[in-house]
Amino acid sequence: MMLGVNASCQNQGIGSAFLQEGVEPYLKSKGCKRLGLITSIDKNVFFYKKNNFTLLDFMMLEYGTKSIGNWAFVKILDKEY
């Protein structure tokens, strides 16, 4: 699934509120223990760290003459896990 906030609405707390008040409570209610995600957009790294995600891994993906960063994050939703 892909989620995002329109560029004209970014930096207003909408994405953080969506995660903290929507996505995370929903996943917890379904018994999820962790939330993992991957992004290839470098400016998202600050956003996920700000929202208490932990960086698991980073790598550059190479395809022909092009390369793109790839960041993997996780957040523990159940503190007992």
PDB file of N, CA and C in Angstrom:
ATOM      1  N   MET A   1       0.848  -1.160   0.000  1.00  0.00           N
ATOM      2  CA  MET A   1       0.000   0.000   0.000  1.00  0.00           C
ATOM      3  C   MET A   1       0.898   1.229   0.000  1.00  0.00           C
ATOM      4  N   MET A   2       0.476   2.232  -0.707  1.00  0.00           N
ATOM      5  CA  MET A   2       1.220   3.487  -0.730  1.00  0.00           C
ATOM      6  C   MET A   2       0.374   4.567  -0.077  1.00  0.00           C
ATOM      7  N   LEU A   3       1.020   5.354   0.749  1.00  0.00           N
ATOM      8  CA  LEU A   3       0.356   6.466   1.424  1.00  0.00           C
ATOM      9  C   LEU A   3       1.178   7.722   1.212  1.00  0.00           C
ATOM     10  N   GLY A   4       0.524   8.839   1.181  1.00  0.00           N
ATOM     11  CA  GLY A   4       1.242  10.096   1.029  1.00  0.00           C
ATOM     12  C   GLY A   4       0.337  11.271   1.307  1.00  0.00           C
ATOM     13  N   VAL A   5       0.965  12.424   1.500  1.00  0.00           N
ATOM     14  CA  VAL A   5       0.254  13.682   1.700  1.00  0.00           C
ATOM     15  C   VAL A   5       0.609  14.579   0.522  1.00  0.00           C
ATOM     16  N   ASN A   6      -0.386  15.197  -0.072  1.00  0.00           N
ATOM     17  CA  ASN A   6      -0.172  16.111  -1.176  1.00  0.00           C
ATOM     18  C   ASN A   6       0.899  17.131  -0.797  1.00  0.00           C
ATOM     19  N   ALA A   7       1.804  17.416  -1.703  1.00  0.00           N
ATOM     20  CA  ALA A   7       2.919  18.328  -1.430  1.00  0.00           C
ATOM     21  C   ALA A   7       2.450  19.677  -0.897  1.00  0.00           C
ATOM     22  N   SER A   8       1.310  20.167  -1.362  1.00  0.00           N
ATOM     23  CA  SER A   8       0.820  21.471  -0.905  1.00  0.00           C
ATOM     24  C   SER A   8       0.304  21.431   0.535  1.00  0.00           C
ATOM     25  N   CYS A   9       0.129  20.226   1.074  1.00  0.00           N
ATOM     26  CA  CYS A   9      -0.390  20.078   2.448  1.00  0.00           C
ATOM     27  C   CYS A   9       0.659  19.532   3.407  1.00  0.00           C
ATOM     28  N   GLN A  10       1.876  19.323   2.944  1.00  0.00           N
ATOM     29  CA  GLN A  10       2.919  18.771   3.803  1.00  0.00           C
ATOM     30  C   GLN A  10       3.391  19.801   4.825  1.00  0.00           C
ATOM     31  N   ASN A  11       4.049  19.318   5.868  1.00  0.00           N
ATOM     32  CA  ASN A  11       4.596  20.132   6.966  1.00  0.00           C
ATOM     33  C   ASN A  11       3.504  20.813   7.784  1.00  0.00           C
ATOM     34  N   GLN A  12       2.342  20.188   7.848  1.00  0.00           N
ATOM     35  CA  GLN A  12       1.239  20.692   8.665  1.00  0.00           C
ATOM     36  C   GLN A  12       0.807  19.673   9.714  1.00  0.00           C
ATOM     37  N   GLY A  13       1.532  18.543   9.810  1.00  0.00           N
ATOM     38  CA  GLY A  13       1.205  17.517  10.798  1.00  0.00           C
ATOM     39  C   GLY A  13       0.180  16.502  10.329  1.00  0.00           C
ATOM     40  N   ILE A  14      -0.243  16.592   9.083  1.00  0.00           N
ATOM     41  CA  ILE A  14      -1.274  15.692   8.573  1.00  0.00           C
ATOM     42  C   ILE A  14      -0.771  14.247   8.512  1.00  0.00           C
ATOM     43  N   GLY A  15       0.401  14.046   7.977  1.00  0.00           N
ATOM     44  CA  GLY A  15       0.958  12.694   7.865  1.00  0.00           C
ATOM     45  C   GLY A  15       1.194  12.066   9.227  1.00  0.00           C
ATOM     46  N   SER A  16       1.749  12.836  10.157  1.00  0.00           N
ATOM     47  CA  SER A  16       1.992  12.318  11.508  1.00  0.00           C
ATOM     48  C   SER A  16       0.677  11.969  12.190  1.00  0.00           C
ATOM     49  N   ALA A  17      -0.323  12.834  12.063  1.00  0.00           N
ATOM     50  CA  ALA A  17      -1.633  12.563  12.669  1.00  0.00           C
ATOM     51  C   ALA A  17      -2.257  11.322  12.058  1.00  0.00           C
ATOM     52  N   PHE A  18      -2.137  11.169  10.749  1.00  0.00           N
ATOM     53  CA  PHE A  18      -2.693   9.999  10.083  1.00  0.00           C
ATOM     54  C   PHE A  18      -2.059   8.719  10.619  1.00  0.00           C
ATOM     55  N   LEU A  19      -0.722   8.738  10.780  1.00  0.00           N
ATOM     56  CA  LEU A  19      -0.033   7.569  11.337  1.00  0.00           C
ATOM     57  C   LEU A  19      -0.446   7.309  12.785  1.00  0.00           C
ATOM     58  N   GLN A  20      -0.346   8.345  13.628  1.00  0.00           N
ATOM     59  CA  GLN A  20      -0.532   8.188  15.069  1.00  0.00           C
ATOM     60  C   GLN A  20      -1.987   7.998  15.479  1.00  0.00           C
ATOM     61  N   GLU A  21      -2.909   8.588  14.751  1.00  0.00           N
ATOM     62  CA  GLU A  21      -4.312   8.530  15.143  1.00  0.00           C
ATOM     63  C   GLU A  21      -5.158   7.609  14.265  1.00  0.00           C
ATOM     64  N   GLY A  22      -4.582   7.167  13.155  1.00  0.00           N
ATOM     65  CA  GLY A  22      -5.331   6.315  12.243  1.00  0.00           C
ATOM     66  C   GLY A  22      -4.683   4.958  12.036  1.00  0.00           C
ATOM     67  N   VAL A  23      -3.537   4.951  11.385  1.00  0.00           N
ATOM     68  CA  VAL A  23      -2.877   3.706  11.009  1.00  0.00           C
ATOM     69  C   VAL A  23      -2.465   2.886  12.233  1.00  0.00           C
ATOM     70  N   GLU A  24      -1.730   3.493  13.155  1.00  0.00           N
ATOM     71  CA  GLU A  24      -1.212   2.731  14.295  1.00  0.00           C
ATOM     72  C   GLU A  24      -2.315   2.171  15.194  1.00  0.00           C
ATOM     73  N   PRO A  25      -3.323   2.956  15.586  1.00  0.00           N
ATOM     74  CA  PRO A  25      -4.408   2.376  16.394  1.00  0.00           C
ATOM     75  C   PRO A  25      -5.146   1.248  15.665  1.00  0.00           C
ATOM     76  N   TYR A  26      -5.354   1.412  14.375  1.00  0.00           N
ATOM     77  CA  TYR A  26      -6.024   0.369  13.605  1.00  0.00           C
ATOM     78  C   TYR A  26      -5.205  -0.923  13.626  1.00  0.00           C
ATOM     79  N   LEU A  27      -3.905  -0.815  13.346  1.00  0.00           N
ATOM     80  CA  LEU A  27      -3.051  -2.002  13.343  1.00  0.00           C
ATOM     81  C   LEU A  27      -2.989  -2.656  14.718  1.00  0.00           C
ATOM     82  N   LYS A  28      -2.889  -1.845  15.781  1.00  0.00           N
ATOM     83  CA  LYS A  28      -2.894  -2.392  17.138  1.00  0.00           C
ATOM     84  C   LYS A  28      -4.186  -3.147  17.419  1.00  0.00           C
ATOM     85  N   SER A  29      -5.314  -2.604  16.960  1.00  0.00           N
ATOM     86  CA  SER A  29      -6.610  -3.249  17.197  1.00  0.00           C
ATOM     87  C   SER A  29      -6.705  -4.592  16.480  1.00  0.00           C
ATOM     88  N   LYS A  30      -5.905  -4.785  15.451  1.00  0.00           N
ATOM     89  CA  LYS A  30      -5.877  -6.045  14.709  1.00  0.00           C
ATOM     90  C   LYS A  30      -4.797  -6.992  15.224  1.00  0.00           C
ATOM     91  N   GLY A  31      -4.109  -6.576  16.309  1.00  0.00           N
ATOM     92  CA  GLY A  31      -3.097  -7.430  16.921  1.00  0.00           C
ATOM     93  C   GLY A  31      -1.708  -7.319  16.330  1.00  0.00           C
ATOM     94  N   CYS A  32      -1.467  -6.340  15.501  1.00  0.00           N
ATOM     95  CA  CYS A  32      -0.135  -6.166  14.908  1.00  0.00           C
ATOM     96  C   CYS A  32       0.854  -5.718  15.976  1.00  0.00           C
ATOM     97  N   LYS A  33       2.040  -6.260  15.920  1.00  0.00           N
ATOM     98  CA  LYS A  33       3.084  -5.948  16.893  1.00  0.00           C
ATOM     99  C   LYS A  33       4.089  -4.924  16.370  1.00  0.00           C
ATOM    100  N   ARG A  34       4.295  -4.919  15.049  1.00  0.00           N
ATOM    101  CA  ARG A  34       5.275  -4.029  14.437  1.00  0.00           C
ATOM    102  C   ARG A  34       4.731  -3.486  13.123  1.00  0.00           C
ATOM    103  N   LEU A  35       5.201  -2.300  12.766  1.00  0.00           N
ATOM    104  CA  LEU A  35       4.867  -1.698  11.485  1.00  0.00           C
ATOM    105  C   LEU A  35       6.169  -1.460  10.731  1.00  0.00           C
ATOM    106  N   GLY A  36       6.322  -2.102   9.592  1.00  0.00           N
ATOM    107  CA  GLY A  36       7.508  -1.937   8.780  1.00  0.00           C
ATOM    108  C   GLY A  36       7.168  -1.226   7.491  1.00  0.00           C
ATOM    109  N   LEU A  37       8.115  -0.468   6.978  1.00  0.00           N
ATOM    110  CA  LEU A  37       7.892   0.223   5.714  1.00  0.00           C
ATOM    111  C   LEU A  37       9.212   0.472   5.022  1.00  0.00           C
ATOM    112  N   ILE A  38       9.086   0.735   3.730  1.00  0.00           N
ATOM    113  CA  ILE A  38      10.246   1.028   2.895  1.00  0.00           C
ATOM    114  C   ILE A  38       9.939   2.291   2.109  1.00  0.00           C
ATOM    115  N   THR A  39      10.928   3.159   1.989  1.00  0.00           N
ATOM    116  CA  THR A  39      10.778   4.357   1.167  1.00  0.00           C
ATOM    117  C   THR A  39      12.005   4.524   0.287  1.00  0.00           C
ATOM    118  N   SER A  40      11.786   5.118  -0.857  1.00  0.00           N
ATOM    119  CA  SER A  40      12.904   5.435  -1.755  1.00  0.00           C
ATOM    120  C   SER A  40      13.043   6.944  -1.918  1.00  0.00           C
ATOM    121  N   ILE A  41      12.366   7.684  -1.039  1.00  0.00           N
ATOM    122  CA  ILE A  41      12.407   9.152  -1.091  1.00  0.00           C
ATOM    123  C   ILE A  41      13.176   9.659   0.125  1.00  0.00           C
ATOM    124  N   ASP A  42      14.322  10.275  -0.104  1.00  0.00           N
ATOM    125  CA  ASP A  42      15.207  10.646   1.007  1.00  0.00           C
ATOM    126  C   ASP A  42      14.580  11.619   1.996  1.00  0.00           C
ATOM    127  N   LYS A  43      13.698  12.517   1.558  1.00  0.00           N
ATOM    128  CA  LYS A  43      13.101  13.447   2.518  1.00  0.00           C
ATOM    129  C   LYS A  43      12.130  12.747   3.475  1.00  0.00           C
ATOM    130  N   ASN A  44      11.692  11.525   3.143  1.00  0.00           N
ATOM    131  CA  ASN A  44      10.828  10.774   4.053  1.00  0.00           C
ATOM    132  C   ASN A  44      11.591  10.227   5.258  1.00  0.00           C
ATOM    133  N   VAL A  45      12.911  10.129   5.151  1.00  0.00           N
ATOM    134  CA  VAL A  45      13.717   9.588   6.250  1.00  0.00           C
ATOM    135  C   VAL A  45      13.505  10.417   7.514  1.00  0.00           C
ATOM    136  N   PHE A  46      13.569  11.728   7.425  1.00  0.00           N
ATOM    137  CA  PHE A  46      13.348  12.589   8.587  1.00  0.00           C
ATOM    138  C   PHE A  46      11.944  12.386   9.145  1.00  0.00           C
ATOM    139  N   PHE A  47      10.946  12.318   8.269  1.00  0.00           N
ATOM    140  CA  PHE A  47       9.554  12.135   8.692  1.00  0.00           C
ATOM    141  C   PHE A  47       9.390  10.861   9.514  1.00  0.00           C
ATOM    142  N   TYR A  48       9.923   9.752   9.040  1.00  0.00           N
ATOM    143  CA  TYR A  48       9.755   8.488   9.760  1.00  0.00           C
ATOM    144  C   TYR A  48      10.544   8.479  11.060  1.00  0.00           C
ATOM    145  N   LYS A  49      11.736   9.036  11.062  1.00  0.00           N
ATOM    146  CA  LYS A  49      12.493   9.129  12.319  1.00  0.00           C
ATOM    147  C   LYS A  49      11.756  10.009  13.327  1.00  0.00           C
ATOM    148  N   LYS A  50      11.185  11.112  12.864  1.00  0.00           N
ATOM    149  CA  LYS A  50      10.414  12.009  13.727  1.00  0.00           C
ATOM    150  C   LYS A  50       9.217  11.287  14.339  1.00  0.00           C
ATOM    151  N   ASN A  51       8.683  10.315  13.658  1.00  0.00           N
ATOM    152  CA  ASN A  51       7.529   9.556  14.120  1.00  0.00           C
ATOM    153  C   ASN A  51       7.936   8.240  14.788  1.00  0.00           C
ATOM    154  N   ASN A  52       9.166   8.211  15.305  1.00  0.00           N
ATOM    155  CA  ASN A  52       9.674   7.111  16.136  1.00  0.00           C
ATOM    156  C   ASN A  52       9.852   5.783  15.415  1.00  0.00           C
ATOM    157  N   PHE A  53      10.118   5.839  14.120  1.00  0.00           N
ATOM    158  CA  PHE A  53      10.491   4.629  13.393  1.00  0.00           C
ATOM    159  C   PHE A  53      12.002   4.467  13.508  1.00  0.00           C
ATOM    160  N   THR A  54      12.447   3.234  13.522  1.00  0.00           N
ATOM    161  CA  THR A  54      13.865   2.915  13.603  1.00  0.00           C
ATOM    162  C   THR A  54      14.352   2.473  12.226  1.00  0.00           C
ATOM    163  N   LEU A  55      15.462   3.041  11.793  1.00  0.00           N
ATOM    164  CA  LEU A  55      16.053   2.654  10.518  1.00  0.00           C
ATOM    165  C   LEU A  55      16.671   1.269  10.666  1.00  0.00           C
ATOM    166  N   LEU A  56      16.207   0.330   9.842  1.00  0.00           N
ATOM    167  CA  LEU A  56      16.753  -1.031   9.868  1.00  0.00           C
ATOM    168  C   LEU A  56      17.887  -1.209   8.878  1.00  0.00           C
ATOM    169  N   ASP A  57      17.727  -0.593   7.703  1.00  0.00           N
ATOM    170  CA  ASP A  57      18.718  -0.821   6.660  1.00  0.00           C
ATOM    171  C   ASP A  57      18.613   0.275   5.597  1.00  0.00           C
ATOM    172  N   PHE A  58      19.707   0.510   4.944  1.00  0.00           N
ATOM    173  CA  PHE A  58      19.758   1.413   3.796  1.00  0.00           C
ATOM    174  C   PHE A  58      20.630   0.770   2.738  1.00  0.00           C
ATOM    175  N   MET A  59      20.208   0.883   1.498  1.00  0.00           N
ATOM    176  CA  MET A  59      21.048   0.419   0.393  1.00  0.00           C
ATOM    177  C   MET A  59      20.732   1.236  -0.846  1.00  0.00           C
ATOM    178  N   MET A  60      21.697   1.297  -1.720  1.00  0.00           N
ATOM    179  CA  MET A  60      21.491   1.914  -3.022  1.00  0.00           C
ATOM    180  C   MET A  60      21.154   0.792  -3.993  1.00  0.00           C
ATOM    181  N   LEU A  61      20.060   0.962  -4.703  1.00  0.00           N
ATOM    182  CA  LEU A  61      19.660  -0.013  -5.707  1.00  0.00           C
ATOM    183  C   LEU A  61      20.127   0.496  -7.062  1.00  0.00           C
ATOM    184  N   GLU A  62      20.806  -0.356  -7.781  1.00  0.00           N
ATOM    185  CA  GLU A  62      21.369   0.012  -9.082  1.00  0.00           C
ATOM    186  C   GLU A  62      20.586  -0.674 -10.191  1.00  0.00           C
ATOM    187  N   TYR A  63      20.248   0.084 -11.220  1.00  0.00           N
ATOM    188  CA  TYR A  63      19.579  -0.476 -12.388  1.00  0.00           C
ATOM    189  C   TYR A  63      20.147   0.216 -13.619  1.00  0.00           C
ATOM    190  N   GLY A  64      21.008  -0.497 -14.315  1.00  0.00           N
ATOM    191  CA  GLY A  64      21.683   0.103 -15.468  1.00  0.00           C
ATOM    192  C   GLY A  64      22.533   1.275 -15.015  1.00  0.00           C
ATOM    193  N   THR A  65      22.270   2.459 -15.547  1.00  0.00           N
ATOM    194  CA  THR A  65      23.038   3.646 -15.182  1.00  0.00           C
ATOM    195  C   THR A  65      22.360   4.460 -14.086  1.00  0.00           C
ATOM    196  N   LYS A  66      21.235   3.974 -13.583  1.00  0.00           N
ATOM    197  CA  LYS A  66      20.490   4.712 -12.566  1.00  0.00           C
ATOM    198  C   LYS A  66      20.631   4.037 -11.204  1.00  0.00           C
ATOM    199  N   SER A  67      20.510   4.852 -10.154  1.00  0.00           N
ATOM    200  CA  SER A  67      20.526   4.305  -8.794  1.00  0.00           C
ATOM    201  C   SER A  67      19.511   5.075  -7.956  1.00  0.00           C
ATOM    202  N   ILE A  68      19.004   4.388  -6.947  1.00  0.00           N
ATOM    203  CA  ILE A  68      18.015   5.004  -6.070  1.00  0.00           C
ATOM    204  C   ILE A  68      18.231   4.478  -4.652  1.00  0.00           C
ATOM    205  N   GLY A  69      18.097   5.378  -3.677  1.00  0.00           N
ATOM    206  CA  GLY A  69      18.221   4.981  -2.285  1.00  0.00           C
ATOM    207  C   GLY A  69      17.002   4.194  -1.846  1.00  0.00           C
ATOM    208  N   ASN A  70      17.203   3.314  -0.875  1.00  0.00           N
ATOM    209  CA  ASN A  70      16.130   2.480  -0.364  1.00  0.00           C
ATOM    210  C   ASN A  70      16.325   2.345   1.144  1.00  0.00           C
ATOM    211  N   TRP A  71      15.379   2.887   1.924  1.00  0.00           N
ATOM    212  CA  TRP A  71      15.449   2.869   3.379  1.00  0.00           C
ATOM    213  C   TRP A  71      14.353   1.968   3.935  1.00  0.00           C
ATOM    214  N   ALA A  72      14.706   1.111   4.876  1.00  0.00           N
ATOM    215  CA  ALA A  72      13.732   0.231   5.530  1.00  0.00           C
ATOM    216  C   ALA A  72      13.620   0.648   6.997  1.00  0.00           C
ATOM    217  N   PHE A  73      12.390   0.822   7.463  1.00  0.00           N
ATOM    218  CA  PHE A  73      12.100   1.261   8.830  1.00  0.00           C
ATOM    219  C   PHE A  73      11.161   0.291   9.522  1.00  0.00           C
ATOM    220  N   VAL A  74      11.183   0.317  10.851  1.00  0.00           N
ATOM    221  CA  VAL A  74      10.227  -0.447  11.647  1.00  0.00           C
ATOM    222  C   VAL A  74       9.858   0.377  12.880  1.00  0.00           C
ATOM    223  N   LYS A  75       8.634   0.165  13.351  1.00  0.00           N
ATOM    224  CA  LYS A  75       8.181   0.764  14.601  1.00  0.00           C
ATOM    225  C   LYS A  75       7.490  -0.322  15.402  1.00  0.00           C
ATOM    226  N   ILE A  76       7.896  -0.447  16.660  1.00  0.00           N
ATOM    227  CA  ILE A  76       7.263  -1.421  17.549  1.00  0.00           C
ATOM    228  C   ILE A  76       5.955  -0.821  18.037  1.00  0.00           C
ATOM    229  N   LEU A  77       4.860  -1.530  17.797  1.00  0.00           N
ATOM    230  CA  LEU A  77       3.543  -1.055  18.209  1.00  0.00           C
ATOM    231  C   LEU A  77       3.136  -1.630  19.562  1.00  0.00           C
ATOM    232  N   ASP A  78       3.665  -2.817  19.872  1.00  0.00           N
ATOM    233  CA  ASP A  78       3.358  -3.484  21.145  1.00  0.00           C
ATOM    234  C   ASP A  78       4.639  -3.503  21.967  1.00  0.00           C
ATOM    235  N   LYS A  79       4.685  -2.691  23.016  1.00  0.00           N
ATOM    236  CA  LYS A  79       5.916  -2.526  23.802  1.00  0.00           C
ATOM    237  C   LYS A  79       6.369  -3.823  24.459  1.00  0.00           C
ATOM    238  N   GLU A  80       5.482  -4.812  24.587  1.00  0.00           N
ATOM    239  CA  GLU A  80       5.854  -6.102  25.197  1.00  0.00           C
ATOM    240  C   GLU A  80       6.527  -7.022  24.195  1.00  0.00           C
ATOM    241  N   TYR A  81       6.524  -6.665  22.936  1.00  0.00           N
ATOM    242  CA  TYR A  81       7.060  -7.523  21.884  1.00  0.00           C
ATOM    243  C   TYR A  81       8.552  -7.361  21.738  1.00  0.00           C
TER     244      TYR A  81
END
